């Protein structure tokens, strides 16, 4: 396992592994697998998602010729609207070796695209949350995303290239900024390596100067979007809007009043009866408050123990298991007819 060392040969950036070698290997493997030109310097743009108007697929397809003309490559994976599927196939035909349109969906391929791509395009017209940008950030793949909903919350300028409004011109401009940063970073890193090699008589590749692109990658990979962090933020919000709990000892006094209500309400006037009923309701409310607080604390602790990992593979395995279970109840002859 290769560890990314800083300028003084020490493990730096919170122990981030050598992502540069890993991404270069993933990129070369994906280019070979999909029939793209094997060009390590070509910015590789990925898209993974449902082919739907919401996802802005039509906006991205309008920008693909510009991406290719500027030396980039495009890989799109998804299915949905038949018209968009046809446009994606036509894109691949028009830019053979520079663009691939995979109509359908494959979890393993989606992982390989996220790992290999330099840029993830997310031109969604609206996006309540968004997960692909979170996967991309962990992989060191820089999102170019429309600043809306969850994308606006998670794709900031230090880890990506947000743009708005959602249109071809704005996406084209964001891609240009991303390409410029990518190429500037690579040229600065090469120059720094040559300079250090001359001064020191050679320097390990891992001790290279970090350009602006690499700084974005490290910031993205070390960004904490785990449930442990989210739970703390929710807790702060709830504490900020919560009513103060009843004073200590209030419950015991109210319980006595509740007993008094049961024993003597018939002999009291209407106002006193109403007063005692309200006191009993307040005691019940305090008990509910205690139970809710304890339950929230249990949820917060469980959230802190939740594994910070991609569960898509587990979901896919569960789907395969459920898919295979129904075959057990079918007669053998019918199965043979279905799958021969």
Foldseek 3Di string as FASTA:
>chain_A
DAWQAELVRHRDLVTDRPLVVQLLVLQQVVLVVQVAPRDSLAAEEEEEDEPDVQQLLVLVLVCVVVSVVVRHAYEYEYEYDPVSLVSQVVSCVVPPNRYHYHYDDDPVVLLSCLLHGQEYEGLGQADQADDSCLSNLQNLRAYAYALHHNCVVQRDPLQHQYFDDRHNVGSNVSVVVVSVQSVVQVVQQVVQQVVVCVVPVHDDSSHTDGGSSNSSSSCSNPDDPALLVVLVVVVVVCVVPDDDADDPPLLVVLVVLQVVLVPCVVVDDPVVNVVNVVSVVSSVVNVVVVVVVVVSVVVSVVSVVDDPDDCPVVVVVVVVVVVVVVVVVDDPVVVVVVPD
